[in-house]
Amino acid sequence: EAMITSIQASTAGIRIVVCTMIPPPESQDAFVVYGVGQTVKRYKRNRDLWVERVLSQFGGRTASNIHVLSYGSALDTVNNFGSATVAVNARNATTYSQPVTTTGVHPATSGYYQLADTIRSFLKAVES
């Protein structure tokens, strides 16, 4: 709140956009990198609590030029996080796509493009 007040005080009429967190990848495998017990379920719960807080504090304030953007809502959480093609096992050369375990909650480049598309669409919608 203090940061927003400070920004608005320095630049009259500026629009502030508060973005929600992106959704996690579909697979629990993407969280292996953290090694601290982070799970898709826990991340989703923490994200839900955070989104509730953002909406309660900043939602409905467009008259004050404060907007909330759920910019991860269009993110493909199955196909736009990192993956690698790996063998089913050491004795079977059949391959499948496995989530890359070093990405955690960070999408692949294609996912970042999806996020950028959402932000651009939002900016075009509020453009005056």
C-alpha atoms as a PDB file:
ATOM      1  CA  GLU A   1       0.000   0.000   0.000  1.00  0.00           C
ATOM      2  CA  ALA A   2       2.852   2.364   0.875  1.00  0.00           C
ATOM      3  CA  MET A   3       4.623   1.579  -2.386  1.00  0.00           C
ATOM      4  CA  ILE A   4       1.487   2.274  -4.418  1.00  0.00           C
ATOM      5  CA  THR A   5       0.872   5.528  -2.561  1.00  0.00           C
ATOM      6  CA  SER A   6       4.466   6.574  -3.195  1.00  0.00           C
ATOM      7  CA  ILE A   7       4.291   5.745  -6.907  1.00  0.00           C
ATOM      8  CA  GLN A   8       0.978   7.555  -7.342  1.00  0.00           C
ATOM      9  CA  ALA A   9       2.326  10.580  -5.479  1.00  0.00           C
ATOM     10  CA  SER A  10       5.310  10.811  -7.800  1.00  0.00           C
ATOM     11  CA  THR A  11       3.361  10.408 -11.057  1.00  0.00           C
ATOM     12  CA  ALA A  12      -0.185  11.757 -11.244  1.00  0.00           C
ATOM     13  CA  GLY A  13      -2.653   9.508 -13.058  1.00  0.00           C
ATOM     14  CA  ILE A  14      -0.318   6.513 -13.296  1.00  0.00           C
ATOM     15  CA  ARG A  15      -1.967   3.126 -13.579  1.00  0.00           C
ATOM     16  CA  ILE A  16      -0.798   0.444 -11.160  1.00  0.00           C
ATOM     17  CA  VAL A  17      -1.212  -3.231 -12.010  1.00  0.00           C
ATOM     18  CA  VAL A  18      -0.900  -5.858  -9.286  1.00  0.00           C
ATOM     19  CA  CYS A  19      -0.408  -9.306 -10.794  1.00  0.00           C
ATOM     20  CA  THR A  20      -1.341 -12.563  -9.170  1.00  0.00           C
ATOM     21  CA  MET A  21       1.051 -15.502  -9.061  1.00  0.00           C
ATOM     22  CA  ILE A  22       1.124 -17.935 -11.953  1.00  0.00           C
ATOM     23  CA  PRO A  23      -0.339 -21.405 -11.503  1.00  0.00           C
ATOM     24  CA  PRO A  24       2.061 -24.283 -10.879  1.00  0.00           C
ATOM     25  CA  PRO A  25       2.986 -26.864 -13.494  1.00  0.00           C
ATOM     26  CA  GLU A  26       0.587 -29.759 -13.732  1.00  0.00           C
ATOM     27  CA  SER A  27       3.157 -32.289 -12.542  1.00  0.00           C
ATOM     28  CA  GLN A  28       4.520 -32.731  -9.033  1.00  0.00           C
ATOM     29  CA  ASP A  29       7.855 -33.726 -10.668  1.00  0.00           C
ATOM     30  CA  ALA A  30       8.626 -30.064 -11.311  1.00  0.00           C
ATOM     31  CA  PHE A  31       8.983 -29.453  -7.566  1.00  0.00           C
ATOM     32  CA  VAL A  32      11.724 -32.033  -6.959  1.00  0.00           C
ATOM     33  CA  VAL A  33      14.356 -29.319  -7.379  1.00  0.00           C
ATOM     34  CA  TYR A  34      13.271 -27.536  -4.203  1.00  0.00           C
ATOM     35  CA  GLY A  35      13.832 -30.505  -1.885  1.00  0.00           C
ATOM     36  CA  VAL A  36      11.946 -28.829   0.949  1.00  0.00           C
ATOM     37  CA  GLY A  37       8.643 -30.628   0.749  1.00  0.00           C
ATOM     38  CA  GLN A  38       7.029 -28.167  -1.657  1.00  0.00           C
ATOM     39  CA  THR A  39       4.152 -29.863  -3.425  1.00  0.00           C
ATOM     40  CA  VAL A  40       1.747 -28.851  -6.153  1.00  0.00           C
ATOM     41  CA  LYS A  41      -1.041 -29.019  -3.578  1.00  0.00           C
ATOM     42  CA  ARG A  42       0.794 -26.742  -1.114  1.00  0.00           C
ATOM     43  CA  TYR A  43       1.777 -24.291  -3.854  1.00  0.00           C
ATOM     44  CA  LYS A  44      -1.833 -24.127  -5.090  1.00  0.00           C
ATOM     45  CA  ARG A  45      -3.098 -23.507  -1.548  1.00  0.00           C
ATOM     46  CA  ASN A  46      -0.515 -20.765  -0.906  1.00  0.00           C
ATOM     47  CA  ARG A  47      -1.330 -19.211  -4.268  1.00  0.00           C
ATOM     48  CA  ASP A  48      -5.067 -19.274  -3.523  1.00  0.00           C
ATOM     49  CA  LEU A  49      -4.498 -17.522  -0.181  1.00  0.00           C
ATOM     50  CA  TRP A  50      -2.298 -14.917  -1.852  1.00  0.00           C
ATOM     51  CA  VAL A  51      -4.828 -14.270  -4.628  1.00  0.00           C
ATOM     52  CA  GLU A  52      -7.593 -13.848  -2.026  1.00  0.00           C
ATOM     53  CA  ARG A  53      -5.453 -11.286  -0.213  1.00  0.00           C
ATOM     54  CA  VAL A  54      -4.593  -9.364  -3.394  1.00  0.00           C
ATOM     55  CA  LEU A  55      -8.228  -9.273  -4.488  1.00  0.00           C
ATOM     56  CA  SER A  56      -9.461  -8.154  -1.074  1.00  0.00           C
ATOM     57  CA  GLN A  57      -6.871  -5.381  -0.872  1.00  0.00           C
ATOM     58  CA  PHE A  58      -6.675  -4.179  -4.485  1.00  0.00           C
ATOM     59  CA  GLY A  59      -9.762  -5.490  -6.266  1.00  0.00           C
ATOM     60  CA  GLY A  60     -12.443  -2.961  -7.156  1.00  0.00           C
ATOM     61  CA  ARG A  61     -10.051  -0.005  -7.157  1.00  0.00           C
ATOM     62  CA  THR A  62      -9.953   0.740 -10.873  1.00  0.00           C
ATOM     63  CA  ALA A  63     -11.373   4.220 -10.178  1.00  0.00           C
ATOM     64  CA  SER A  64      -8.087   4.852  -8.334  1.00  0.00           C
ATOM     65  CA  ASN A  65      -6.122   3.457 -11.313  1.00  0.00           C
ATOM     66  CA  ILE A  66      -5.259   0.245  -9.449  1.00  0.00           C
ATOM     67  CA  HIS A  67      -5.902  -2.938 -11.395  1.00  0.00           C
ATOM     68  CA  VAL A  68      -5.511  -6.620 -10.548  1.00  0.00           C
ATOM     69  CA  LEU A  69      -4.369  -8.920 -13.334  1.00  0.00           C
ATOM     70  CA  SER A  70      -4.557 -12.686 -13.127  1.00  0.00           C
ATOM     71  CA  TYR A  71      -1.887 -12.890 -15.758  1.00  0.00           C
ATOM     72  CA  GLY A  72      -1.242 -16.608 -15.394  1.00  0.00           C
ATOM     73  CA  SER A  73      -4.837 -17.547 -16.168  1.00  0.00           C
ATOM     74  CA  ALA A  74      -4.038 -18.382 -19.800  1.00  0.00           C
ATOM     75  CA  LEU A  75      -0.821 -20.273 -19.028  1.00  0.00           C
ATOM     76  CA  ASP A  76      -0.790 -23.841 -20.335  1.00  0.00           C
ATOM     77  CA  THR A  77       0.460 -25.675 -17.245  1.00  0.00           C
ATOM     78  CA  VAL A  78       0.837 -28.983 -19.077  1.00  0.00           C
ATOM     79  CA  ASN A  79       2.704 -28.019 -22.235  1.00  0.00           C
ATOM     80  CA  ASN A  80       4.419 -24.710 -21.493  1.00  0.00           C
ATOM     81  CA  PHE A  81       6.619 -25.716 -18.605  1.00  0.00           C
ATOM     82  CA  GLY A  82       9.930 -27.413 -19.335  1.00  0.00           C
ATOM     83  CA  SER A  83      10.009 -31.050 -20.336  1.00  0.00           C
ATOM     84  CA  ALA A  84      12.455 -33.567 -21.675  1.00  0.00           C
ATOM     85  CA  THR A  85      12.016 -36.702 -23.722  1.00  0.00           C
ATOM     86  CA  VAL A  86      13.315 -39.650 -21.724  1.00  0.00           C
ATOM     87  CA  ALA A  87      13.252 -43.428 -21.965  1.00  0.00           C
ATOM     88  CA  VAL A  88      10.561 -45.225 -20.021  1.00  0.00           C
ATOM     89  CA  ASN A  89      13.309 -47.151 -18.216  1.00  0.00           C
ATOM     90  CA  ALA A  90      16.812 -48.530 -18.748  1.00  0.00           C
ATOM     91  CA  ARG A  91      15.489 -51.608 -20.597  1.00  0.00           C
ATOM     92  CA  ASN A  92      12.849 -49.917 -22.725  1.00  0.00           C
ATOM     93  CA  ALA A  93      13.722 -47.358 -25.409  1.00  0.00           C
ATOM     94  CA  THR A  94      10.129 -46.141 -25.626  1.00  0.00           C
ATOM     95  CA  THR A  95      10.142 -42.473 -24.730  1.00  0.00           C
ATOM     96  CA  TYR A  96       7.770 -40.098 -23.035  1.00  0.00           C
ATOM     97  CA  SER A  97       7.781 -36.420 -22.118  1.00  0.00           C
ATOM     98  CA  GLN A  98       8.798 -35.862 -18.511  1.00  0.00           C
ATOM     99  CA  PRO A  99       8.604 -32.508 -16.720  1.00  0.00           C
ATOM    100  CA  VAL A 100      12.030 -30.987 -16.206  1.00  0.00           C
ATOM    101  CA  THR A 101      12.730 -31.001 -12.497  1.00  0.00           C
ATOM    102  CA  THR A 102      14.801 -27.808 -12.524  1.00  0.00           C
ATOM    103  CA  THR A 103      11.967 -25.487 -13.468  1.00  0.00           C
ATOM    104  CA  GLY A 104       9.796 -25.521 -10.348  1.00  0.00           C
ATOM    105  CA  VAL A 105       7.232 -22.829 -10.977  1.00  0.00           C
ATOM    106  CA  HIS A 106       9.092 -21.176 -13.843  1.00  0.00           C
ATOM    107  CA  PRO A 107       7.587 -21.787 -17.277  1.00  0.00           C
ATOM    108  CA  ALA A 108       9.523 -22.580 -20.412  1.00  0.00           C
ATOM    109  CA  THR A 109      10.089 -19.826 -22.976  1.00  0.00           C
ATOM    110  CA  SER A 110       6.766 -20.658 -24.617  1.00  0.00           C
ATOM    111  CA  GLY A 111       5.077 -20.119 -21.241  1.00  0.00           C
ATOM    112  CA  TYR A 112       6.699 -16.726 -20.828  1.00  0.00           C
ATOM    113  CA  TYR A 113       5.388 -15.803 -24.273  1.00  0.00           C
ATOM    114  CA  GLN A 114       1.909 -16.789 -23.111  1.00  0.00           C
ATOM    115  CA  LEU A 115       2.299 -14.555 -20.055  1.00  0.00           C
ATOM    116  CA  ALA A 116       3.497 -11.697 -22.263  1.00  0.00           C
ATOM    117  CA  ASP A 117       0.458 -12.149 -24.523  1.00  0.00           C
ATOM    118  CA  THR A 118      -1.825 -11.810 -21.498  1.00  0.00           C
ATOM    119  CA  ILE A 119      -0.056  -8.688 -20.277  1.00  0.00           C
ATOM    120  CA  ARG A 120      -0.150  -7.127 -23.737  1.00  0.00           C
ATOM    121  CA  SER A 121      -3.864  -7.860 -24.098  1.00  0.00           C
ATOM    122  CA  PHE A 122      -4.512  -6.305 -20.703  1.00  0.00           C
ATOM    123  CA  LEU A 123      -2.484  -3.200 -21.533  1.00  0.00           C
ATOM    124  CA  LYS A 124      -4.306  -2.784 -24.837  1.00  0.00           C
ATOM    125  CA  ALA A 125      -7.649  -3.126 -23.021  1.00  0.00           C
ATOM    126  CA  VAL A 126      -6.890  -0.366 -20.500  1.00  0.00           C
ATOM    127  CA  GLU A 127      -5.154   1.885 -23.010  1.00  0.00           C
ATOM    128  CA  SER A 128      -6.778   5.256 -23.399  1.00  0.00           C
END
